[in-house]
Amino acid sequence: MIPAEVTTRIMPGVVAMQAGAWYKPDKNGVDTGGCANVLTSQRITPLAKGNAHQTMLVEVQKA
């Protein structure tokens, strides 16, 4: 769970997130540190053998 900023630089329906935040779970196990790795699956990409960054589904709601 992290705050989001709506700008004209990101098109509607798309979320951009910087990498590099630390995993910081709360008492319910929800990450409040903004670690993108908690959103990726364990599936690796066939060519590079890395995690599949471009296939994450997120929920955005107004605070």
C-alpha atoms as a PDB file:
ATOM      1  CA  MET A   1       0.000   0.000   0.000  1.00  0.00           C
ATOM      2  CA  ILE A   2       1.553   3.287  -1.133  1.00  0.00           C
ATOM      3  CA  PRO A   3       0.287   6.766  -1.993  1.00  0.00           C
ATOM      4  CA  ALA A   4      -0.250   7.542  -5.678  1.00  0.00           C
ATOM      5  CA  GLU A   5      -0.041  10.788  -7.600  1.00  0.00           C
ATOM      6  CA  VAL A   6      -2.245  11.338 -10.654  1.00  0.00           C
ATOM      7  CA  THR A   7      -0.471  13.244 -13.435  1.00  0.00           C
ATOM      8  CA  THR A   8      -0.962  13.898 -17.137  1.00  0.00           C
ATOM      9  CA  ARG A   9       2.344  12.094 -17.819  1.00  0.00           C
ATOM     10  CA  ILE A  10       0.790   8.666 -17.108  1.00  0.00           C
ATOM     11  CA  MET A  11      -2.167   7.632 -19.254  1.00  0.00           C
ATOM     12  CA  PRO A  12      -5.467   6.549 -17.652  1.00  0.00           C
ATOM     13  CA  GLY A  13      -5.510   2.890 -16.622  1.00  0.00           C
ATOM     14  CA  VAL A  14      -1.721   2.751 -16.150  1.00  0.00           C
ATOM     15  CA  VAL A  15       0.310   2.907 -12.939  1.00  0.00           C
ATOM     16  CA  ALA A  16       4.052   3.591 -12.861  1.00  0.00           C
ATOM     17  CA  MET A  17       6.077   2.648  -9.801  1.00  0.00           C
ATOM     18  CA  GLN A  18       9.740   3.234  -9.050  1.00  0.00           C
ATOM     19  CA  ALA A  19      11.774   0.275  -7.828  1.00  0.00           C
ATOM     20  CA  GLY A  20      14.008   0.215  -4.794  1.00  0.00           C
ATOM     21  CA  ALA A  21      11.660   0.502  -1.806  1.00  0.00           C
ATOM     22  CA  TRP A  22      12.094  -1.807   1.195  1.00  0.00           C
ATOM     23  CA  TYR A  23       9.521  -4.454   2.121  1.00  0.00           C
ATOM     24  CA  LYS A  24       7.780  -3.279   5.310  1.00  0.00           C
ATOM     25  CA  PRO A  25       4.748  -5.412   6.249  1.00  0.00           C
ATOM     26  CA  ASP A  26       2.218  -4.237   8.829  1.00  0.00           C
ATOM     27  CA  LYS A  27       0.624  -6.569  11.409  1.00  0.00           C
ATOM     28  CA  ASN A  28      -1.722  -7.951   8.688  1.00  0.00           C
ATOM     29  CA  GLY A  29       1.109  -8.653   6.258  1.00  0.00           C
ATOM     30  CA  VAL A  30       0.267  -5.699   3.965  1.00  0.00           C
ATOM     31  CA  ASP A  31       3.413  -4.054   2.595  1.00  0.00           C
ATOM     32  CA  THR A  32       3.450  -0.349   3.495  1.00  0.00           C
ATOM     33  CA  GLY A  33       6.995   0.274   2.266  1.00  0.00           C
ATOM     34  CA  GLY A  34       6.202   0.264  -1.452  1.00  0.00           C
ATOM     35  CA  CYS A  35       8.235  -2.775  -2.534  1.00  0.00           C
ATOM     36  CA  ALA A  36       7.272  -3.631  -6.136  1.00  0.00           C
ATOM     37  CA  ASN A  37       8.494  -7.219  -5.701  1.00  0.00           C
ATOM     38  CA  VAL A  38       5.404  -8.107  -3.628  1.00  0.00           C
ATOM     39  CA  LEU A  39       3.289  -7.493  -6.759  1.00  0.00           C
ATOM     40  CA  THR A  40       5.240  -9.730  -9.141  1.00  0.00           C
ATOM     41  CA  SER A  41       4.618 -13.420  -9.586  1.00  0.00           C
ATOM     42  CA  GLN A  42       7.207 -16.129  -9.119  1.00  0.00           C
ATOM     43  CA  ARG A  43       6.952 -16.895 -12.847  1.00  0.00           C
ATOM     44  CA  ILE A  44      10.105 -16.025 -14.782  1.00  0.00           C
ATOM     45  CA  THR A  45      10.229 -14.611 -18.288  1.00  0.00           C
ATOM     46  CA  PRO A  46      11.318 -17.119 -20.940  1.00  0.00           C
ATOM     47  CA  LEU A  47      14.049 -15.011 -22.537  1.00  0.00           C
ATOM     48  CA  ALA A  48      15.763 -13.142 -19.689  1.00  0.00           C
ATOM     49  CA  LYS A  49      14.745 -15.464 -16.816  1.00  0.00           C
ATOM     50  CA  GLY A  50      13.645 -12.417 -14.781  1.00  0.00           C
ATOM     51  CA  ASN A  51      10.383 -11.561 -13.043  1.00  0.00           C
ATOM     52  CA  ALA A  52       7.431 -10.436 -15.163  1.00  0.00           C
ATOM     53  CA  HIS A  53       7.170  -6.705 -14.317  1.00  0.00           C
ATOM     54  CA  GLN A  54       4.719  -5.707 -17.023  1.00  0.00           C
ATOM     55  CA  THR A  55       1.883  -8.009 -15.963  1.00  0.00           C
ATOM     56  CA  MET A  56       0.951  -6.714 -12.519  1.00  0.00           C
ATOM     57  CA  LEU A  57      -2.643  -5.855 -11.607  1.00  0.00           C
ATOM     58  CA  VAL A  58      -3.135  -3.202  -8.949  1.00  0.00           C
ATOM     59  CA  GLU A  59      -6.074  -1.472  -7.312  1.00  0.00           C
ATOM     60  CA  VAL A  60      -6.101   2.308  -6.996  1.00  0.00           C
ATOM     61  CA  GLN A  61      -8.622   4.099  -4.816  1.00  0.00           C
ATOM     62  CA  LYS A  62      -9.081   7.680  -3.719  1.00  0.00           C
ATOM     63  CA  ALA A  63      -8.032   8.265  -0.104  1.00  0.00           C
END
